[in-house]
């Protein structure tokens, strides 16, 4: 299966999680590519202020993994805007992952996932699998990333071509 991992990452934390997911999916026989959203200018929480330098063509993929940080207890505005503007093929399986600083998912991660899934649903995407990585919880961070990679990889296993 041809899977695109679409990420927005400022500090590299989200990219680190995406790399491990890529490795797990690749080990499962999938063709996987990480595509990083790039903006020109400063990060803004106002979607209309965001200017994209590079926005992936997600319609090239048979499945998507969308990864973003949490900003101010919500999905990063860059990812909200990207999901609304990206060329996306409706009906494909999509997994959602967010990284956040705080140690508990209820401290913004759960809300960001709900926001991401809502936009995915509005775009006709099946986003049944999701994960929150709590970055400040160093003792459990690696376990969370590994579990997310296994869960996300499992979502695509039945459809492997």
N, C-alpha and C. Protein backbone atom coordinates (compact mmCIF):
# COMPACT_ATOMS: atom_id res chain seq x y z
N UNK A 1 0.85 -1.18 0.00
CA UNK A 1 0.00 0.00 0.00
C UNK A 1 0.89 1.23 0.00
N UNK A 2 0.50 2.24 -0.73
CA UNK A 2 1.24 3.49 -0.83
C UNK A 2 0.70 4.46 0.24
N UNK A 3 1.49 4.71 1.28
CA UNK A 3 1.03 5.51 2.42
C UNK A 3 1.84 6.79 2.55
N UNK A 4 1.15 7.89 2.68
CA UNK A 4 1.79 9.18 2.90
C UNK A 4 1.67 9.57 4.36
N UNK A 5 2.78 9.97 4.96
CA UNK A 5 2.76 10.51 6.32
C UNK A 5 2.93 12.01 6.17
N UNK A 6 1.87 12.74 6.41
CA UNK A 6 1.85 14.19 6.25
C UNK A 6 2.07 14.81 7.62
N UNK A 7 3.14 15.60 7.76
CA UNK A 7 3.46 16.13 9.08
C UNK A 7 3.68 17.63 9.06
N UNK A 8 3.36 18.23 10.18
CA UNK A 8 3.80 19.59 10.52
C UNK A 8 4.56 19.43 11.83
N UNK A 9 5.81 19.85 11.83
CA UNK A 9 6.64 19.71 13.02
C UNK A 9 7.55 20.92 13.12
N UNK A 10 7.52 21.60 14.26
CA UNK A 10 8.38 22.76 14.48
C UNK A 10 9.64 22.38 15.23
N UNK A 11 9.52 21.57 16.27
CA UNK A 11 10.65 21.27 17.14
C UNK A 11 11.33 19.96 16.79
N UNK A 12 10.69 19.15 15.96
CA UNK A 12 11.23 17.84 15.62
C UNK A 12 10.59 16.70 16.39
N UNK A 13 9.81 16.99 17.41
CA UNK A 13 9.17 15.93 18.19
C UNK A 13 8.17 15.14 17.34
N UNK A 14 7.33 15.84 16.61
CA UNK A 14 6.34 15.18 15.76
C UNK A 14 7.05 14.40 14.66
N UNK A 15 8.12 14.93 14.13
CA UNK A 15 8.91 14.24 13.09
C UNK A 15 9.50 12.95 13.65
N UNK A 16 9.98 12.98 14.90
CA UNK A 16 10.53 11.77 15.53
C UNK A 16 9.48 10.67 15.59
N UNK A 17 8.27 11.01 16.00
CA UNK A 17 7.19 10.02 16.05
C UNK A 17 6.85 9.52 14.64
N UNK A 18 6.81 10.43 13.67
CA UNK A 18 6.50 10.05 12.29
C UNK A 18 7.56 9.10 11.73
N UNK A 19 8.82 9.33 12.07
CA UNK A 19 9.90 8.44 11.60
C UNK A 19 9.68 7.01 12.09
N UNK A 20 9.29 6.86 13.34
CA UNK A 20 9.07 5.51 13.89
C UNK A 20 7.85 4.85 13.26
N UNK A 21 6.84 5.62 12.96
CA UNK A 21 5.66 5.08 12.28
C UNK A 21 6.04 4.65 10.86
N UNK A 22 6.82 5.49 10.18
CA UNK A 22 7.31 5.12 8.84
C UNK A 22 8.07 3.80 8.87
N UNK A 23 8.97 3.67 9.84
CA UNK A 23 9.77 2.45 9.95
C UNK A 23 8.89 1.22 10.15
N UNK A 24 7.88 1.32 11.00
CA UNK A 24 6.97 0.19 11.27
C UNK A 24 6.16 -0.16 10.02
N UNK A 25 5.64 0.86 9.34
CA UNK A 25 4.86 0.61 8.13
C UNK A 25 5.74 0.02 7.03
N UNK A 26 6.95 0.53 6.88
CA UNK A 26 7.88 0.01 5.87
C UNK A 26 8.23 -1.45 6.16
N UNK A 27 8.45 -1.76 7.43
CA UNK A 27 8.76 -3.14 7.82
C UNK A 27 7.59 -4.07 7.50
N UNK A 28 6.39 -3.52 7.45
CA UNK A 28 5.21 -4.31 7.11
C UNK A 28 4.98 -4.44 5.61
N UNK A 29 5.93 -3.93 4.81
CA UNK A 29 5.84 -4.09 3.37
C UNK A 29 5.17 -2.95 2.62
N UNK A 30 4.86 -1.86 3.31
CA UNK A 30 4.21 -0.72 2.65
C UNK A 30 5.25 0.21 2.04
N UNK A 31 4.85 0.92 1.00
CA UNK A 31 5.66 1.98 0.41
C UNK A 31 5.26 3.26 1.14
N UNK A 32 6.19 3.85 1.91
CA UNK A 32 5.85 4.96 2.80
C UNK A 32 6.74 6.17 2.52
N UNK A 33 6.13 7.34 2.48
CA UNK A 33 6.89 8.58 2.31
C UNK A 33 6.40 9.61 3.32
N UNK A 34 7.36 10.24 4.01
CA UNK A 34 7.03 11.36 4.90
C UNK A 34 7.09 12.63 4.08
N UNK A 35 6.02 13.42 4.18
CA UNK A 35 5.98 14.73 3.53
C UNK A 35 5.71 15.78 4.59
N UNK A 36 6.62 16.74 4.65
CA UNK A 36 6.56 17.76 5.68
C UNK A 36 5.95 19.05 5.14
N UNK A 37 4.90 19.51 5.78
CA UNK A 37 4.27 20.78 5.40
C UNK A 37 5.24 21.90 5.75
N UNK A 38 5.41 22.84 4.81
CA UNK A 38 6.29 23.99 5.06
C UNK A 38 5.50 25.27 4.85
N UNK A 39 5.71 26.20 5.76
CA UNK A 39 5.04 27.49 5.63
C UNK A 39 6.08 28.58 5.40
N UNK A 40 5.64 29.67 4.80
CA UNK A 40 6.51 30.83 4.66
C UNK A 40 5.99 31.86 5.66
N UNK A 41 6.89 32.43 6.41
CA UNK A 41 6.50 33.39 7.43
C UNK A 41 6.31 32.70 8.76
N UNK A 42 5.89 33.48 9.74
CA UNK A 42 5.74 32.94 11.10
C UNK A 42 4.53 32.04 11.26
N UNK A 43 4.59 31.17 12.26
CA UNK A 43 3.45 30.34 12.61
C UNK A 43 2.40 31.24 13.25
N UNK A 44 1.18 31.08 12.82
CA UNK A 44 0.08 31.88 13.35
C UNK A 44 -1.03 30.93 13.79
N UNK A 45 -1.79 31.34 14.77
CA UNK A 45 -2.96 30.55 15.17
C UNK A 45 -4.19 30.95 14.37
N UNK A 46 -4.03 31.94 13.49
CA UNK A 46 -5.10 32.36 12.61
C UNK A 46 -4.88 31.69 11.25
N UNK A 47 -5.75 30.78 10.87
CA UNK A 47 -5.59 30.02 9.63
C UNK A 47 -5.44 30.92 8.40
N UNK A 48 -6.14 32.03 8.37
CA UNK A 48 -6.08 32.90 7.19
C UNK A 48 -4.72 33.59 7.04
N UNK A 49 -3.92 33.63 8.08
CA UNK A 49 -2.58 34.23 8.01
C UNK A 49 -1.51 33.25 7.53
N UNK A 50 -1.84 31.99 7.41
CA UNK A 50 -0.85 30.97 7.07
C UNK A 50 -0.66 30.92 5.57
N UNK A 51 0.61 30.98 5.17
CA UNK A 51 1.00 30.90 3.77
C UNK A 51 1.86 29.65 3.60
N UNK A 52 1.47 28.80 2.69
CA UNK A 52 2.19 27.54 2.50
C UNK A 52 3.30 27.70 1.48
N UNK A 53 4.47 27.24 1.87
CA UNK A 53 5.61 27.15 0.95
C UNK A 53 5.53 25.79 0.23
N UNK A 54 5.13 24.76 0.98
CA UNK A 54 4.94 23.43 0.41
C UNK A 54 3.77 22.76 1.09
N UNK A 55 2.82 22.32 0.28
CA UNK A 55 1.66 21.59 0.76
C UNK A 55 1.58 20.29 -0.03
N UNK A 56 1.75 19.14 0.63
CA UNK A 56 1.79 17.86 -0.09
C UNK A 56 0.51 17.59 -0.88
N UNK A 57 0.66 16.83 -1.96
CA UNK A 57 -0.48 16.35 -2.74
C UNK A 57 -0.86 15.00 -2.16
N UNK A 58 -1.76 15.00 -1.21
CA UNK A 58 -2.13 13.77 -0.49
C UNK A 58 -2.96 12.82 -1.35
N UNK A 59 -3.46 13.28 -2.48
CA UNK A 59 -4.26 12.42 -3.35
C UNK A 59 -3.41 11.33 -4.01
N UNK A 60 -2.10 11.41 -3.91
CA UNK A 60 -1.20 10.41 -4.51
C UNK A 60 -1.16 9.13 -3.69
N UNK A 61 -1.76 9.14 -2.50
CA UNK A 61 -1.61 8.02 -1.57
C UNK A 61 -2.91 7.21 -1.43
N UNK A 62 -2.71 5.93 -1.07
CA UNK A 62 -3.83 5.03 -0.80
C UNK A 62 -4.23 5.06 0.67
N UNK A 63 -3.38 5.64 1.51
CA UNK A 63 -3.63 5.78 2.94
C UNK A 63 -2.81 6.94 3.47
N UNK A 64 -3.28 7.54 4.54
CA UNK A 64 -2.59 8.70 5.12
C UNK A 64 -2.39 8.53 6.62
N UNK A 65 -1.29 9.07 7.10
CA UNK A 65 -1.07 9.26 8.53
C UNK A 65 -0.79 10.75 8.66
N UNK A 66 -1.62 11.45 9.42
CA UNK A 66 -1.50 12.89 9.58
C UNK A 66 -0.99 13.18 10.98
N UNK A 67 0.14 13.90 11.07
CA UNK A 67 0.82 14.12 12.36
C UNK A 67 1.04 15.61 12.59
N UNK A 68 0.69 16.07 13.79
CA UNK A 68 0.78 17.49 14.11
C UNK A 68 1.03 17.70 15.60
N UNK A 69 1.65 18.81 15.95
CA UNK A 69 1.71 19.16 17.37
C UNK A 69 0.40 19.79 17.83
N UNK A 70 0.24 19.85 19.12
CA UNK A 70 -0.87 20.57 19.74
C UNK A 70 -0.37 21.98 20.06
N UNK A 71 -1.14 22.98 19.71
CA UNK A 71 -0.82 24.37 20.04
C UNK A 71 -1.98 24.94 20.85
N UNK A 72 -1.69 25.47 22.00
CA UNK A 72 -2.71 26.14 22.83
C UNK A 72 -3.93 25.24 23.05
N UNK A 73 -3.68 23.97 23.40
CA UNK A 73 -4.72 22.99 23.71
C UNK A 73 -5.61 22.63 22.52
N UNK A 74 -5.13 22.91 21.28
CA UNK A 74 -5.90 22.64 20.07
C UNK A 74 -4.96 22.13 18.98
N UNK A 75 -5.55 21.61 17.92
CA UNK A 75 -4.77 21.23 16.75
C UNK A 75 -4.09 22.47 16.19
N UNK A 76 -2.82 22.35 15.83
CA UNK A 76 -2.08 23.48 15.27
C UNK A 76 -2.82 24.05 14.07
N UNK A 77 -2.93 25.37 14.01
CA UNK A 77 -3.65 26.04 12.93
C UNK A 77 -3.06 25.69 11.57
N UNK A 78 -1.75 25.48 11.52
CA UNK A 78 -1.12 25.10 10.25
C UNK A 78 -1.73 23.79 9.75
N UNK A 79 -1.89 22.82 10.62
CA UNK A 79 -2.47 21.54 10.20
C UNK A 79 -3.95 21.69 9.87
N UNK A 80 -4.67 22.49 10.65
CA UNK A 80 -6.08 22.71 10.33
C UNK A 80 -6.21 23.26 8.92
N UNK A 81 -5.42 24.29 8.61
CA UNK A 81 -5.48 24.91 7.29
C UNK A 81 -5.03 23.94 6.20
N UNK A 82 -3.97 23.18 6.48
CA UNK A 82 -3.45 22.23 5.49
C UNK A 82 -4.49 21.17 5.15
N UNK A 83 -5.13 20.61 6.17
CA UNK A 83 -6.13 19.57 5.93
C UNK A 83 -7.30 20.10 5.10
N UNK A 84 -7.62 21.35 5.27
CA UNK A 84 -8.72 21.95 4.52
C UNK A 84 -8.34 22.27 3.07
N UNK A 85 -7.04 22.54 2.83
CA UNK A 85 -6.60 22.96 1.50
C UNK A 85 -5.95 21.85 0.67
N UNK A 86 -5.44 20.82 1.31
CA UNK A 86 -4.71 19.77 0.59
C UNK A 86 -5.58 19.05 -0.42
N UNK A 87 -4.96 18.63 -1.50
CA UNK A 87 -5.62 17.76 -2.47
C UNK A 87 -5.66 16.37 -1.83
N UNK A 88 -6.86 15.88 -1.54
CA UNK A 88 -7.04 14.61 -0.83
C UNK A 88 -8.04 13.74 -1.58
N UNK A 89 -7.74 12.46 -1.66
CA UNK A 89 -8.63 11.49 -2.29
C UNK A 89 -9.62 11.01 -1.23
N UNK A 90 -10.90 11.33 -1.33
CA UNK A 90 -11.88 10.89 -0.33
C UNK A 90 -11.97 9.37 -0.24
N UNK A 91 -12.34 8.89 0.94
CA UNK A 91 -12.59 7.47 1.15
C UNK A 91 -11.39 6.67 1.60
N UNK A 92 -10.21 7.27 1.67
CA UNK A 92 -9.04 6.49 2.06
C UNK A 92 -8.88 6.47 3.58
N UNK A 93 -8.26 5.41 4.06
CA UNK A 93 -8.00 5.29 5.50
C UNK A 93 -6.97 6.34 5.91
N UNK A 94 -7.25 6.97 7.03
CA UNK A 94 -6.38 8.03 7.54
C UNK A 94 -6.25 7.87 9.03
N UNK A 95 -5.03 7.90 9.50
CA UNK A 95 -4.76 7.85 10.93
C UNK A 95 -4.30 9.22 11.40
N UNK A 96 -4.69 9.61 12.60
CA UNK A 96 -4.35 10.93 13.15
C UNK A 96 -3.46 10.77 14.38
N UNK A 97 -2.38 11.54 14.43
CA UNK A 97 -1.48 11.51 15.57
C UNK A 97 -1.12 12.94 15.94
N UNK A 98 -1.15 13.22 17.24
CA UNK A 98 -0.68 14.53 17.73
C UNK A 98 0.36 14.32 18.82
N UNK A 99 1.27 15.28 18.89
CA UNK A 99 2.24 15.32 19.98
C UNK A 99 1.94 16.57 20.80
N UNK A 100 2.11 16.44 22.10
CA UNK A 100 1.86 17.58 22.98
C UNK A 100 2.89 17.56 24.10
N UNK A 101 3.13 18.73 24.67
CA UNK A 101 4.09 18.81 25.77
C UNK A 101 3.54 18.19 27.06
N UNK A 102 2.29 18.48 27.36
CA UNK A 102 1.73 18.08 28.64
C UNK A 102 1.64 16.56 28.82
N UNK A 103 1.64 16.09 30.07
CA UNK A 103 1.74 14.65 30.34
C UNK A 103 0.45 13.84 30.19
N UNK A 104 -0.67 14.50 29.96
CA UNK A 104 -1.94 13.77 29.86
C UNK A 104 -2.69 14.18 28.61
N UNK A 105 -3.28 13.21 27.92
CA UNK A 105 -3.99 13.46 26.66
C UNK A 105 -5.14 14.45 26.84
N UNK A 106 -5.75 14.48 28.01
CA UNK A 106 -6.89 15.38 28.22
C UNK A 106 -6.44 16.84 28.30
N UNK A 107 -5.15 17.09 28.28
CA UNK A 107 -4.62 18.46 28.36
C UNK A 107 -4.36 19.03 26.96
N UNK A 108 -5.26 18.78 26.04
CA UNK A 108 -5.18 19.33 24.69
C UNK A 108 -5.10 18.28 23.60
N UNK A 109 -4.47 17.16 23.86
CA UNK A 109 -4.31 16.13 22.85
C UNK A 109 -5.62 15.54 22.38
N UNK A 110 -6.51 15.22 23.30
CA UNK A 110 -7.81 14.65 22.92
C UNK A 110 -8.61 15.64 22.07
N UNK A 111 -8.57 16.90 22.46
CA UNK A 111 -9.30 17.93 21.70
C UNK A 111 -8.71 18.07 20.30
N UNK A 112 -7.39 18.09 20.20
CA UNK A 112 -6.74 18.20 18.89
C UNK A 112 -7.10 17.02 18.00
N UNK A 113 -7.14 15.83 18.56
CA UNK A 113 -7.54 14.64 17.78
C UNK A 113 -8.98 14.79 17.29
N UNK A 114 -9.88 15.24 18.17
CA UNK A 114 -11.28 15.44 17.75
C UNK A 114 -11.35 16.44 16.61
N UNK A 115 -10.58 17.52 16.71
CA UNK A 115 -10.59 18.54 15.65
C UNK A 115 -10.06 17.96 14.34
N UNK A 116 -8.98 17.19 14.43
CA UNK A 116 -8.39 16.59 13.25
C UNK A 116 -9.36 15.61 12.60
N UNK A 117 -9.98 14.76 13.42
CA UNK A 117 -10.93 13.77 12.89
C UNK A 117 -12.15 14.45 12.26
N UNK A 118 -12.59 15.55 12.82
CA UNK A 118 -13.74 16.26 12.27
C UNK A 118 -13.41 16.79 10.87
N UNK A 119 -12.24 17.40 10.72
CA UNK A 119 -11.84 17.91 9.40
C UNK A 119 -11.69 16.74 8.42
N UNK A 120 -11.07 15.67 8.87
CA UNK A 120 -10.92 14.48 8.01
C UNK A 120 -12.29 13.96 7.57
N UNK A 121 -13.22 13.89 8.48
CA UNK A 121 -14.56 13.42 8.16
C UNK A 121 -15.23 14.34 7.13
N UNK A 122 -15.07 15.65 7.31
CA UNK A 122 -15.63 16.62 6.37
C UNK A 122 -15.02 16.47 4.98
N UNK A 123 -13.79 15.97 4.92
CA UNK A 123 -13.10 15.74 3.64
C UNK A 123 -13.35 14.33 3.09
N UNK A 124 -14.17 13.55 3.79
CA UNK A 124 -14.51 12.21 3.31
C UNK A 124 -13.49 11.14 3.64
N UNK A 125 -12.68 11.37 4.66
CA UNK A 125 -11.64 10.42 5.06
C UNK A 125 -12.10 9.55 6.22
N UNK A 126 -11.68 8.31 6.22
CA UNK A 126 -11.99 7.37 7.30
C UNK A 126 -10.84 7.45 8.31
N UNK A 127 -11.06 8.15 9.41
CA UNK A 127 -9.99 8.36 10.40
C UNK A 127 -10.32 7.69 11.72
N UNK A 128 -10.38 6.38 11.71
CA UNK A 128 -10.80 5.64 12.91
C UNK A 128 -9.67 5.42 13.91
N UNK A 129 -8.41 5.48 13.49
CA UNK A 129 -7.29 5.21 14.40
C UNK A 129 -6.56 6.51 14.71
N UNK A 130 -6.29 6.73 16.01
CA UNK A 130 -5.59 7.96 16.41
C UNK A 130 -4.70 7.68 17.61
N UNK A 131 -3.79 8.62 17.86
CA UNK A 131 -2.89 8.49 19.01
C UNK A 131 -2.43 9.87 19.47
N UNK A 132 -2.18 9.96 20.77
CA UNK A 132 -1.63 11.18 21.39
C UNK A 132 -0.32 10.79 22.06
N UNK A 133 0.73 11.53 21.75
CA UNK A 133 2.04 11.31 22.37
C UNK A 133 2.29 12.47 23.33
N UNK A 134 2.50 12.15 24.61
CA UNK A 134 2.75 13.15 25.65
C UNK A 134 4.26 13.31 25.81
N UNK A 135 4.82 14.39 25.26
CA UNK A 135 6.26 14.53 25.16
C UNK A 135 6.95 14.73 26.50
N UNK A 136 6.34 15.41 27.44
CA UNK A 136 7.01 15.66 28.72
C UNK A 136 7.03 14.42 29.61
N UNK A 137 6.25 13.42 29.27
CA UNK A 137 6.22 12.18 30.05
C UNK A 137 7.30 11.25 29.51
N UNK A 138 8.56 11.63 29.73
CA UNK A 138 9.70 10.92 29.14
C UNK A 138 9.69 9.43 29.44
N UNK A 139 9.27 9.06 30.62
CA UNK A 139 9.29 7.64 31.02
C UNK A 139 8.35 6.80 30.16
N UNK A 140 7.28 7.39 29.66
CA UNK A 140 6.34 6.61 28.86
C UNK A 140 6.28 7.02 27.39
N UNK A 141 7.04 8.04 27.01
CA UNK A 141 7.00 8.56 25.64
C UNK A 141 7.34 7.49 24.60
N UNK A 142 8.45 6.78 24.77
CA UNK A 142 8.85 5.77 23.79
C UNK A 142 7.81 4.66 23.68
N UNK A 143 7.23 4.28 24.80
CA UNK A 143 6.18 3.26 24.79
C UNK A 143 4.97 3.76 24.01
N UNK A 144 4.59 5.02 24.22
CA UNK A 144 3.46 5.59 23.50
C UNK A 144 3.72 5.62 21.99
N UNK A 145 4.93 5.99 21.60
CA UNK A 145 5.28 6.05 20.18
C UNK A 145 5.23 4.64 19.58
N UNK A 146 5.81 3.68 20.28
CA UNK A 146 5.81 2.29 19.79
C UNK A 146 4.38 1.77 19.67
N UNK A 147 3.56 2.01 20.67
CA UNK A 147 2.16 1.56 20.62
C UNK A 147 1.40 2.23 19.49
N UNK A 148 1.67 3.52 19.27
CA UNK A 148 1.01 4.24 18.17
C UNK A 148 1.42 3.64 16.83
N UNK A 149 2.71 3.35 16.67
CA UNK A 149 3.20 2.78 15.42
C UNK A 149 2.56 1.42 15.15
N UNK A 150 2.43 0.61 16.19
CA UNK A 150 1.82 -0.71 16.04
C UNK A 150 0.33 -0.57 15.67
N UNK A 151 -0.37 0.31 16.37
CA UNK A 151 -1.80 0.52 16.12
C UNK A 151 -2.04 1.06 14.70
N UNK A 152 -1.24 2.04 14.31
CA UNK A 152 -1.40 2.64 12.98
C UNK A 152 -1.04 1.63 11.90
N UNK A 153 0.04 0.90 12.08
CA UNK A 153 0.44 -0.11 11.12
C UNK A 153 -0.64 -1.18 10.98
N UNK A 154 -1.24 -1.57 12.08
CA UNK A 154 -2.30 -2.57 12.07
C UNK A 154 -3.51 -2.12 11.27
N UNK A 155 -3.77 -0.83 11.27
CA UNK A 155 -4.89 -0.28 10.51
C UNK A 155 -4.75 -0.55 9.02
N UNK A 156 -3.50 -0.53 8.54
CA UNK A 156 -3.25 -0.70 7.12
C UNK A 156 -2.92 -2.14 6.71
N UNK A 157 -2.69 -3.02 7.67
CA UNK A 157 -2.25 -4.37 7.37
C UNK A 157 -3.24 -5.15 6.52
N UNK A 158 -4.50 -5.05 6.81
CA UNK A 158 -5.51 -5.82 6.06
C UNK A 158 -5.60 -5.39 4.60
N UNK A 159 -5.16 -4.15 4.31
CA UNK A 159 -5.28 -3.63 2.95
C UNK A 159 -3.96 -3.69 2.16
N UNK A 160 -2.96 -4.30 2.73
CA UNK A 160 -1.64 -4.31 2.09
C UNK A 160 -1.72 -4.96 0.71
N UNK A 161 -1.14 -4.24 -0.28
CA UNK A 161 -1.11 -4.76 -1.65
C UNK A 161 0.31 -5.06 -2.04
